[in-house]
Amino acid sequence: MVEYDLRAVVVGCSTGALSATLLQPLDVIKTTMQVSTSSKTLFGIITNIYNSSGPAAFWRGVTPSLVRTVPGAGLYFGIVHNLQLAVGGKEKALSFRTNLMIGTISRAGVAMILLPITVLKARAESGLFKQQSVLSALYTLWSKNGVSGLFKGLLPTVLRDAPFSGIYLCTYESLKRSPRFKEMNSALAPPIAGFTAGVLASYITQPFDVLKTRIQVDDSGKSAKFIFTDLIKTPRLLFTGSMPRIFRRAGVAALNWTLFDR
């Protein structure tokens, strides 16, 4: 019989709250870059955000970010940990394929459950919408677009989050067990492996993040297919906001997994 462990849920919730609060400016910068119709530089985007309402502008969307990230991280780490326990992964090294499947399944489930909050987060961070409480924003979105509005961008969100976690988990576990990392200081190996895996997973899934954001902030009635077709006309746009997202996701992943593995 499998003995389920809630410690992973607690660690996930704690690190989720910390990262969502401290690193929210990177998400705001990334989202603003992705929805911008101008060709401003990263510095120009940062200046515009600051000029809009001062330092507080870098934390717009922090409430839906916390509402999504805290339970999301807790659920994800809880599912991963207990799936690993179920297949004996805490006593033996799991295969690349098994880690890929565990990471993918865990994140896909969490992404679908919390998608309405993800939509609110993207819209709040963009600066294109009136700032509201989470409940008011959910009601506004539902009243204008119905239930479908609460689940805008479902496919690209799952295609971003599920592969990210699958790629991350199998890369992290492979690096952690490699001879080079085993020779490293035990305190340094997990964060370095975590950051490396995070950079790789973030870059590979970046196009889906851009598509997700464009769909979720659109209020003109354009179809997801139209937005995607328009986006791929300029391939470089698929990697808009890569730098802030990579630093945020890789840094958070390194922190989370370092604590999770202890």
C-alpha atoms as a PDB file:
ATOM      1  CA  MET A   1       0.000   0.000   0.000  1.00  0.00           C
ATOM      2  CA  VAL A   2       1.342   3.467  -0.941  1.00  0.00           C
ATOM      3  CA  GLU A   3       1.830   5.916   1.931  1.00  0.00           C
ATOM      4  CA  TYR A   4       0.984   9.399   0.727  1.00  0.00           C
ATOM      5  CA  ASP A   5       3.037  12.344   1.932  1.00  0.00           C
ATOM      6  CA  LEU A   6       1.682  15.889   2.340  1.00  0.00           C
ATOM      7  CA  ARG A   7       5.074  17.483   3.009  1.00  0.00           C
ATOM      8  CA  ALA A   8       5.613  17.991  -0.726  1.00  0.00           C
ATOM      9  CA  VAL A   9       2.334  19.933  -0.893  1.00  0.00           C
ATOM     10  CA  VAL A  10       3.444  22.227   1.946  1.00  0.00           C
ATOM     11  CA  VAL A  11       6.852  22.834   0.336  1.00  0.00           C
ATOM     12  CA  GLY A  12       5.191  23.534  -3.017  1.00  0.00           C
ATOM     13  CA  CYS A  13       2.730  26.039  -1.524  1.00  0.00           C
ATOM     14  CA  SER A  14       5.479  27.833   0.425  1.00  0.00           C
ATOM     15  CA  THR A  15       7.905  28.183  -2.474  1.00  0.00           C
ATOM     16  CA  GLY A  16       5.014  29.097  -4.778  1.00  0.00           C
ATOM     17  CA  ALA A  17       4.017  32.017  -2.546  1.00  0.00           C
ATOM     18  CA  LEU A  18       7.610  33.218  -2.231  1.00  0.00           C
ATOM     19  CA  SER A  19       8.384  33.053  -5.943  1.00  0.00           C
ATOM     20  CA  ALA A  20       5.049  34.572  -7.027  1.00  0.00           C
ATOM     21  CA  THR A  21       5.637  37.601  -4.818  1.00  0.00           C
ATOM     22  CA  LEU A  22       9.344  38.215  -5.402  1.00  0.00           C
ATOM     23  CA  LEU A  23       9.464  37.429  -9.121  1.00  0.00           C
ATOM     24  CA  GLN A  24       6.172  38.955 -10.278  1.00  0.00           C
ATOM     25  CA  PRO A  25       8.005  41.853 -12.021  1.00  0.00           C
ATOM     26  CA  LEU A  26       9.566  39.355 -14.458  1.00  0.00           C
ATOM     27  CA  ASP A  27       6.118  38.032 -15.378  1.00  0.00           C
ATOM     28  CA  VAL A  28       4.775  41.565 -15.864  1.00  0.00           C
ATOM     29  CA  ILE A  29       7.703  42.460 -18.132  1.00  0.00           C
ATOM     30  CA  LYS A  30       7.319  39.223 -20.115  1.00  0.00           C
ATOM     31  CA  THR A  31       3.563  39.611 -20.611  1.00  0.00           C
ATOM     32  CA  THR A  32       3.888  43.285 -21.571  1.00  0.00           C
ATOM     33  CA  MET A  33       6.518  42.369 -24.173  1.00  0.00           C
ATOM     34  CA  GLN A  34       4.280  39.657 -25.618  1.00  0.00           C
ATOM     35  CA  VAL A  35       1.215  41.873 -26.051  1.00  0.00           C
ATOM     36  CA  SER A  36       3.087  44.983 -27.188  1.00  0.00           C
ATOM     37  CA  THR A  37       2.486  46.077 -30.773  1.00  0.00           C
ATOM     38  CA  SER A  38       5.621  48.217 -30.829  1.00  0.00           C
ATOM     39  CA  SER A  39       9.224  47.156 -31.295  1.00  0.00           C
ATOM     40  CA  LYS A  40      10.467  48.616 -28.016  1.00  0.00           C
ATOM     41  CA  THR A  41      13.571  47.193 -26.404  1.00  0.00           C
ATOM     42  CA  LEU A  42      13.497  45.418 -23.047  1.00  0.00           C
ATOM     43  CA  PHE A  43      14.637  48.662 -21.391  1.00  0.00           C
ATOM     44  CA  GLY A  44      11.891  50.582 -23.208  1.00  0.00           C
ATOM     45  CA  ILE A  45       9.244  48.137 -21.963  1.00  0.00           C
ATOM     46  CA  ILE A  46      10.524  48.413 -18.386  1.00  0.00           C
ATOM     47  CA  THR A  47      10.480  52.221 -18.622  1.00  0.00           C
ATOM     48  CA  ASN A  48       6.891  52.195 -19.936  1.00  0.00           C
ATOM     49  CA  ILE A  49       5.723  49.929 -17.120  1.00  0.00           C
ATOM     50  CA  TYR A  50       7.358  52.182 -14.526  1.00  0.00           C
ATOM     51  CA  ASN A  51       5.907  55.340 -16.084  1.00  0.00           C
ATOM     52  CA  SER A  52       2.385  53.871 -16.007  1.00  0.00           C
ATOM     53  CA  SER A  53       2.081  53.913 -12.191  1.00  0.00           C
ATOM     54  CA  GLY A  54       5.507  53.699 -10.616  1.00  0.00           C
ATOM     55  CA  PRO A  55       7.082  50.653  -8.924  1.00  0.00           C
ATOM     56  CA  ALA A  56       3.649  49.210  -8.054  1.00  0.00           C
ATOM     57  CA  ALA A  57       3.063  48.551 -11.768  1.00  0.00           C
ATOM     58  CA  PHE A  58       5.621  45.729 -11.646  1.00  0.00           C
ATOM     59  CA  TRP A  59       3.362  43.852  -9.226  1.00  0.00           C
ATOM     60  CA  ARG A  60       0.120  44.169 -11.167  1.00  0.00           C
ATOM     61  CA  GLY A  61      -1.523  40.774 -11.340  1.00  0.00           C
ATOM     62  CA  VAL A  62       0.203  39.569  -8.169  1.00  0.00           C
ATOM     63  CA  THR A  63      -3.098  38.554  -6.538  1.00  0.00           C
ATOM     64  CA  PRO A  64      -4.225  36.129  -9.287  1.00  0.00           C
ATOM     65  CA  SER A  65      -0.594  35.020  -9.494  1.00  0.00           C
ATOM     66  CA  LEU A  66      -0.683  34.028  -5.810  1.00  0.00           C
ATOM     67  CA  VAL A  67      -4.138  32.449  -6.155  1.00  0.00           C
ATOM     68  CA  ARG A  68      -2.860  30.331  -9.032  1.00  0.00           C
ATOM     69  CA  THR A  69       0.727  29.637  -7.993  1.00  0.00           C
ATOM     70  CA  VAL A  70       0.296  28.693  -4.328  1.00  0.00           C
ATOM     71  CA  PRO A  71      -2.295  25.915  -4.765  1.00  0.00           C
ATOM     72  CA  GLY A  72      -0.847  25.088  -8.192  1.00  0.00           C
ATOM     73  CA  ALA A  73       2.660  24.456  -6.873  1.00  0.00           C
ATOM     74  CA  GLY A  74       1.274  22.561  -3.901  1.00  0.00           C
ATOM     75  CA  LEU A  75      -0.891  20.343  -6.104  1.00  0.00           C
ATOM     76  CA  TYR A  76       1.887  19.766  -8.628  1.00  0.00           C
ATOM     77  CA  PHE A  77       4.564  18.761  -6.141  1.00  0.00           C
ATOM     78  CA  GLY A  78       2.060  16.685  -4.200  1.00  0.00           C
ATOM     79  CA  ILE A  79       1.035  14.767  -7.333  1.00  0.00           C
ATOM     80  CA  VAL A  80       4.631  14.304  -8.534  1.00  0.00           C
ATOM     81  CA  HIS A  81       5.867  13.160  -5.144  1.00  0.00           C
ATOM     82  CA  ASN A  82       3.073  10.658  -4.605  1.00  0.00           C
ATOM     83  CA  LEU A  83       3.275   9.311  -8.166  1.00  0.00           C
ATOM     84  CA  GLN A  84       6.993   8.754  -7.594  1.00  0.00           C
ATOM     85  CA  LEU A  85       6.177   6.972  -4.337  1.00  0.00           C
ATOM     86  CA  ALA A  86       3.574   4.859  -6.123  1.00  0.00           C
ATOM     87  CA  VAL A  87       6.124   3.557  -8.638  1.00  0.00           C
ATOM     88  CA  GLY A  88       8.931   3.186  -6.105  1.00  0.00           C
ATOM     89  CA  GLY A  89      10.849   6.210  -7.329  1.00  0.00           C
ATOM     90  CA  LYS A  90      12.108   7.294  -3.922  1.00  0.00           C
ATOM     91  CA  GLU A  91      14.003   4.033  -3.481  1.00  0.00           C
ATOM     92  CA  LYS A  92      15.256   3.627  -7.044  1.00  0.00           C
ATOM     93  CA  ALA A  93      16.080   5.835 -10.023  1.00  0.00           C
ATOM     94  CA  LEU A  94      13.151   6.146 -12.412  1.00  0.00           C
ATOM     95  CA  SER A  95      13.617   5.924 -16.165  1.00  0.00           C
ATOM     96  CA  PHE A  96      13.716   8.976 -18.418  1.00  0.00           C
ATOM     97  CA  ARG A  97      10.321   8.012 -19.859  1.00  0.00           C
ATOM     98  CA  THR A  98       8.709   7.545 -16.442  1.00  0.00           C
ATOM     99  CA  ASN A  99       9.885  10.952 -15.212  1.00  0.00           C
ATOM    100  CA  LEU A 100       8.689  12.533 -18.460  1.00  0.00           C
ATOM    101  CA  MET A 101       5.233  11.007 -18.018  1.00  0.00           C
ATOM    102  CA  ILE A 102       4.943  11.907 -14.314  1.00  0.00           C
ATOM    103  CA  GLY A 103       5.917  15.533 -14.943  1.00  0.00           C
ATOM    104  CA  THR A 104       3.648  15.874 -17.966  1.00  0.00           C
ATOM    105  CA  ILE A 105       0.557  14.303 -16.401  1.00  0.00           C
ATOM    106  CA  SER A 106       0.935  16.222 -13.135  1.00  0.00           C
ATOM    107  CA  ARG A 107       1.259  19.632 -14.767  1.00  0.00           C
ATOM    108  CA  ALA A 108      -1.448  19.036 -17.367  1.00  0.00           C
ATOM    109  CA  GLY A 109      -3.981  18.304 -14.628  1.00  0.00           C
ATOM    110  CA  VAL A 110      -3.034  21.350 -12.570  1.00  0.00           C
ATOM    111  CA  ALA A 111      -3.003  23.614 -15.651  1.00  0.00           C
ATOM    112  CA  MET A 112      -6.569  22.658 -16.589  1.00  0.00           C
ATOM    113  CA  ILE A 113      -7.917  23.041 -13.037  1.00  0.00           C
ATOM    114  CA  LEU A 114      -6.450  26.529 -12.572  1.00  0.00           C
ATOM    115  CA  LEU A 115      -6.876  27.861 -16.113  1.00  0.00           C
ATOM    116  CA  PRO A 116      -9.491  30.553 -15.233  1.00  0.00           C
ATOM    117  CA  ILE A 117      -7.015  32.127 -12.796  1.00  0.00           C
ATOM    118  CA  THR A 118      -4.255  31.856 -15.418  1.00  0.00           C
ATOM    119  CA  VAL A 119      -6.445  33.877 -17.813  1.00  0.00           C
ATOM    120  CA  LEU A 120      -6.984  36.571 -15.163  1.00  0.00           C
ATOM    121  CA  LYS A 121      -3.254  36.659 -14.410  1.00  0.00           C
ATOM    122  CA  ALA A 122      -2.309  37.269 -18.052  1.00  0.00           C
ATOM    123  CA  ARG A 123      -4.925  39.987 -18.467  1.00  0.00           C
ATOM    124  CA  ALA A 124      -3.940  41.771 -15.243  1.00  0.00           C
ATOM    125  CA  GLU A 125      -0.232  41.670 -16.096  1.00  0.00           C
ATOM    126  CA  SER A 126      -0.784  43.045 -19.603  1.00  0.00           C
ATOM    127  CA  GLY A 127      -1.966  46.424 -18.337  1.00  0.00           C
ATOM    128  CA  LEU A 128      -4.698  46.416 -20.982  1.00  0.00           C
ATOM    129  CA  PHE A 129      -7.584  45.888 -18.595  1.00  0.00           C
ATOM    130  CA  LYS A 130      -9.053  47.612 -15.553  1.00  0.00           C
ATOM    131  CA  GLN A 131      -7.619  46.216 -12.326  1.00  0.00           C
ATOM    132  CA  GLN A 132     -10.270  44.261 -10.371  1.00  0.00           C
ATOM    133  CA  SER A 133     -10.464  41.789  -7.530  1.00  0.00           C
ATOM    134  CA  VAL A 134     -10.183  38.133  -8.545  1.00  0.00           C
ATOM    135  CA  LEU A 135     -13.895  37.454  -8.025  1.00  0.00           C
ATOM    136  CA  SER A 136     -14.969  40.625  -9.876  1.00  0.00           C
ATOM    137  CA  ALA A 137     -12.628  39.834 -12.767  1.00  0.00           C
ATOM    138  CA  LEU A 138     -13.948  36.260 -12.991  1.00  0.00           C
ATOM    139  CA  TYR A 139     -17.525  37.557 -13.074  1.00  0.00           C
ATOM    140  CA  THR A 140     -16.670  40.164 -15.746  1.00  0.00           C
ATOM    141  CA  LEU A 141     -14.957  37.568 -17.910  1.00  0.00           C
ATOM    142  CA  TRP A 142     -17.828  35.106 -17.521  1.00  0.00           C
ATOM    143  CA  SER A 143     -20.521  37.724 -18.214  1.00  0.00           C
ATOM    144  CA  LYS A 144     -18.801  38.880 -21.427  1.00  0.00           C
ATOM    145  CA  ASN A 145     -17.601  35.546 -22.811  1.00  0.00           C
ATOM    146  CA  GLY A 146     -19.437  32.813 -20.945  1.00  0.00           C
ATOM    147  CA  VAL A 147     -17.751  29.687 -19.649  1.00  0.00           C
ATOM    148  CA  SER A 148     -15.497  29.552 -22.729  1.00  0.00           C
ATOM    149  CA  GLY A 149     -13.971  32.879 -21.679  1.00  0.00           C
ATOM    150  CA  LEU A 150     -12.771  31.326 -18.440  1.00  0.00           C
ATOM    151  CA  PHE A 151     -10.912  28.651 -20.403  1.00  0.00           C
ATOM    152  CA  LYS A 152      -9.387  30.767 -23.163  1.00  0.00           C
ATOM    153  CA  GLY A 153      -6.082  29.404 -24.385  1.00  0.00           C
ATOM    154  CA  LEU A 154      -6.581  25.948 -22.881  1.00  0.00           C
ATOM    155  CA  LEU A 155      -4.644  24.065 -25.568  1.00  0.00           C
ATOM    156  CA  PRO A 156      -1.537  26.300 -25.694  1.00  0.00           C
ATOM    157  CA  THR A 157      -1.526  26.461 -21.878  1.00  0.00           C
ATOM    158  CA  VAL A 158      -1.441  22.667 -21.617  1.00  0.00           C
ATOM    159  CA  LEU A 159       1.085  22.470 -24.483  1.00  0.00           C
ATOM    160  CA  ARG A 160       3.260  24.932 -22.549  1.00  0.00           C
ATOM    161  CA  ASP A 161       2.935  23.588 -19.019  1.00  0.00           C
ATOM    162  CA  ALA A 162       2.784  19.820 -19.538  1.00  0.00           C
ATOM    163  CA  PRO A 163       5.887  19.551 -21.781  1.00  0.00           C
ATOM    164  CA  PHE A 164       7.725  22.068 -19.581  1.00  0.00           C
ATOM    165  CA  SER A 165       7.278  19.919 -16.513  1.00  0.00           C
ATOM    166  CA  GLY A 166       7.941  16.672 -18.359  1.00  0.00           C
ATOM    167  CA  ILE A 167      11.139  17.986 -19.943  1.00  0.00           C
ATOM    168  CA  TYR A 168      12.166  19.639 -16.680  1.00  0.00           C
ATOM    169  CA  LEU A 169      11.647  16.606 -14.460  1.00  0.00           C
ATOM    170  CA  CYS A 170      13.399  14.070 -16.685  1.00  0.00           C
ATOM    171  CA  THR A 171      16.300  16.486 -17.405  1.00  0.00           C
ATOM    172  CA  TYR A 172      16.680  17.389 -13.730  1.00  0.00           C
ATOM    173  CA  GLU A 173      16.643  13.764 -12.589  1.00  0.00           C
ATOM    174  CA  SER A 174      19.094  12.755 -15.349  1.00  0.00           C
ATOM    175  CA  LEU A 175      21.521  15.570 -14.517  1.00  0.00           C
ATOM    176  CA  LYS A 176      21.270  14.946 -10.785  1.00  0.00           C
ATOM    177  CA  ARG A 177      22.278  11.317 -11.245  1.00  0.00           C
ATOM    178  CA  SER A 178      25.044  11.969 -13.785  1.00  0.00           C
ATOM    179  CA  PRO A 179      28.651  11.279 -12.656  1.00  0.00           C
ATOM    180  CA  ARG A 180      29.652  14.949 -13.020  1.00  0.00           C
ATOM    181  CA  PHE A 181      26.867  16.164 -10.750  1.00  0.00           C
ATOM    182  CA  LYS A 182      27.458  13.390  -8.222  1.00  0.00           C
ATOM    183  CA  GLU A 183      31.006  14.692  -7.791  1.00  0.00           C
ATOM    184  CA  MET A 184      29.763  18.212  -7.068  1.00  0.00           C
ATOM    185  CA  ASN A 185      29.062  19.689  -3.647  1.00  0.00           C
ATOM    186  CA  SER A 186      25.742  18.239  -2.449  1.00  0.00           C
ATOM    187  CA  ALA A 187      24.387  21.742  -1.737  1.00  0.00           C
ATOM    188  CA  LEU A 188      25.243  23.067  -5.216  1.00  0.00           C
ATOM    189  CA  ALA A 189      24.257  20.161  -7.452  1.00  0.00           C
ATOM    190  CA  PRO A 190      20.420  20.400  -7.106  1.00  0.00           C
ATOM    191  CA  PRO A 191      20.111  24.163  -7.834  1.00  0.00           C
ATOM    192  CA  ILE A 192      22.554  23.968 -10.755  1.00  0.00           C
ATOM    193  CA  ALA A 193      20.771  20.943 -12.212  1.00  0.00           C
ATOM    194  CA  GLY A 194      17.437  22.671 -11.579  1.00  0.00           C
ATOM    195  CA  PHE A 195      18.441  25.921 -13.253  1.00  0.00           C
ATOM    196  CA  THR A 196      19.914  24.103 -16.277  1.00  0.00           C
ATOM    197  CA  ALA A 197      16.788  21.990 -16.712  1.00  0.00           C
ATOM    198  CA  GLY A 198      14.629  25.105 -16.297  1.00  0.00           C
ATOM    199  CA  VAL A 199      16.452  27.041 -19.020  1.00  0.00           C
ATOM    200  CA  LEU A 200      16.060  24.147 -21.473  1.00  0.00           C
ATOM    201  CA  ALA A 201      12.376  23.533 -20.702  1.00  0.00           C
ATOM    202  CA  SER A 202      11.533  27.268 -20.788  1.00  0.00           C
ATOM    203  CA  TYR A 203      13.139  27.887 -24.171  1.00  0.00           C
ATOM    204  CA  ILE A 204      11.518  24.854 -25.821  1.00  0.00           C
ATOM    205  CA  THR A 205       8.017  25.813 -24.617  1.00  0.00           C
ATOM    206  CA  GLN A 206       8.317  29.582 -25.161  1.00  0.00           C
ATOM    207  CA  PRO A 207       6.235  29.708 -28.404  1.00  0.00           C
ATOM    208  CA  PHE A 208       3.237  28.212 -26.588  1.00  0.00           C
ATOM    209  CA  ASP A 209       3.579  30.807 -23.822  1.00  0.00           C
ATOM    210  CA  VAL A 210       3.414  33.640 -26.361  1.00  0.00           C
ATOM    211  CA  LEU A 211       0.402  32.079 -28.103  1.00  0.00           C
ATOM    212  CA  LYS A 212      -1.353  31.496 -24.755  1.00  0.00           C
ATOM    213  CA  THR A 213      -0.894  35.138 -23.732  1.00  0.00           C
ATOM    214  CA  ARG A 214      -2.076  36.532 -27.072  1.00  0.00           C
ATOM    215  CA  ILE A 215      -5.248  34.412 -26.958  1.00  0.00           C
ATOM    216  CA  GLN A 216      -6.046  35.187 -23.320  1.00  0.00           C
ATOM    217  CA  VAL A 217      -5.753  38.973 -23.623  1.00  0.00           C
ATOM    218  CA  ASP A 218      -7.666  39.194 -26.909  1.00  0.00           C
ATOM    219  CA  ASP A 219     -11.168  40.679 -26.605  1.00  0.00           C
ATOM    220  CA  SER A 220     -11.798  41.249 -30.296  1.00  0.00           C
ATOM    221  CA  GLY A 221     -13.340  37.849 -30.972  1.00  0.00           C
ATOM    222  CA  LYS A 222     -10.432  36.534 -33.045  1.00  0.00           C
ATOM    223  CA  SER A 223     -10.172  32.754 -33.148  1.00  0.00           C
ATOM    224  CA  ALA A 224      -7.170  30.960 -31.687  1.00  0.00           C
ATOM    225  CA  LYS A 225      -6.370  29.728 -35.202  1.00  0.00           C
ATOM    226  CA  PHE A 226      -6.318  33.290 -36.564  1.00  0.00           C
ATOM    227  CA  ILE A 227      -4.040  34.487 -33.744  1.00  0.00           C
ATOM    228  CA  PHE A 228      -1.684  31.545 -34.295  1.00  0.00           C
ATOM    229  CA  THR A 229      -1.596  32.045 -38.075  1.00  0.00           C
ATOM    230  CA  ASP A 230      -0.906  35.763 -37.636  1.00  0.00           C
ATOM    231  CA  LEU A 231       1.835  35.054 -35.095  1.00  0.00           C
ATOM    232  CA  ILE A 232       3.803  32.579 -37.210  1.00  0.00           C
ATOM    233  CA  LYS A 233       4.030  35.072 -40.068  1.00  0.00           C
ATOM    234  CA  THR A 234       6.878  36.573 -38.012  1.00  0.00           C
ATOM    235  CA  PRO A 235       8.631  33.571 -36.408  1.00  0.00           C
ATOM    236  CA  ARG A 236      10.809  35.690 -34.095  1.00  0.00           C
ATOM    237  CA  LEU A 237       7.641  36.804 -32.281  1.00  0.00           C
ATOM    238  CA  LEU A 238       7.237  33.231 -31.009  1.00  0.00           C
ATOM    239  CA  PHE A 239      10.152  33.879 -28.658  1.00  0.00           C
ATOM    240  CA  THR A 240       9.069  37.315 -27.428  1.00  0.00           C
ATOM    241  CA  GLY A 241       9.714  37.683 -23.702  1.00  0.00           C
ATOM    242  CA  SER A 242      12.091  34.713 -23.595  1.00  0.00           C
ATOM    243  CA  MET A 243      14.662  36.326 -21.321  1.00  0.00           C
ATOM    244  CA  PRO A 244      12.422  37.320 -18.375  1.00  0.00           C
ATOM    245  CA  ARG A 245      10.468  34.054 -18.606  1.00  0.00           C
ATOM    246  CA  ILE A 246      13.593  31.885 -18.695  1.00  0.00           C
ATOM    247  CA  PHE A 247      15.113  33.643 -15.695  1.00  0.00           C
ATOM    248  CA  ARG A 248      11.863  33.410 -13.756  1.00  0.00           C
ATOM    249  CA  ARG A 249      10.939  29.815 -14.589  1.00  0.00           C
ATOM    250  CA  ALA A 250      14.478  28.460 -14.317  1.00  0.00           C
ATOM    251  CA  GLY A 251      15.116  30.276 -11.044  1.00  0.00           C
ATOM    252  CA  VAL A 252      11.814  29.183  -9.500  1.00  0.00           C
ATOM    253  CA  ALA A 253      12.288  25.614 -10.668  1.00  0.00           C
ATOM    254  CA  ALA A 254      15.784  25.472  -9.196  1.00  0.00           C
ATOM    255  CA  LEU A 255      14.513  26.805  -5.855  1.00  0.00           C
ATOM    256  CA  ASN A 256      11.467  24.538  -5.769  1.00  0.00           C
ATOM    257  CA  TRP A 257      13.292  21.349  -6.637  1.00  0.00           C
ATOM    258  CA  THR A 258      16.221  22.060  -4.344  1.00  0.00           C
ATOM    259  CA  LEU A 259      13.799  22.341  -1.400  1.00  0.00           C
ATOM    260  CA  PHE A 260      11.555  19.528  -2.661  1.00  0.00           C
ATOM    261  CA  ASP A 261      14.457  17.094  -2.864  1.00  0.00           C
ATOM    262  CA  ARG A 262      15.639  17.709   0.691  1.00  0.00           C
END
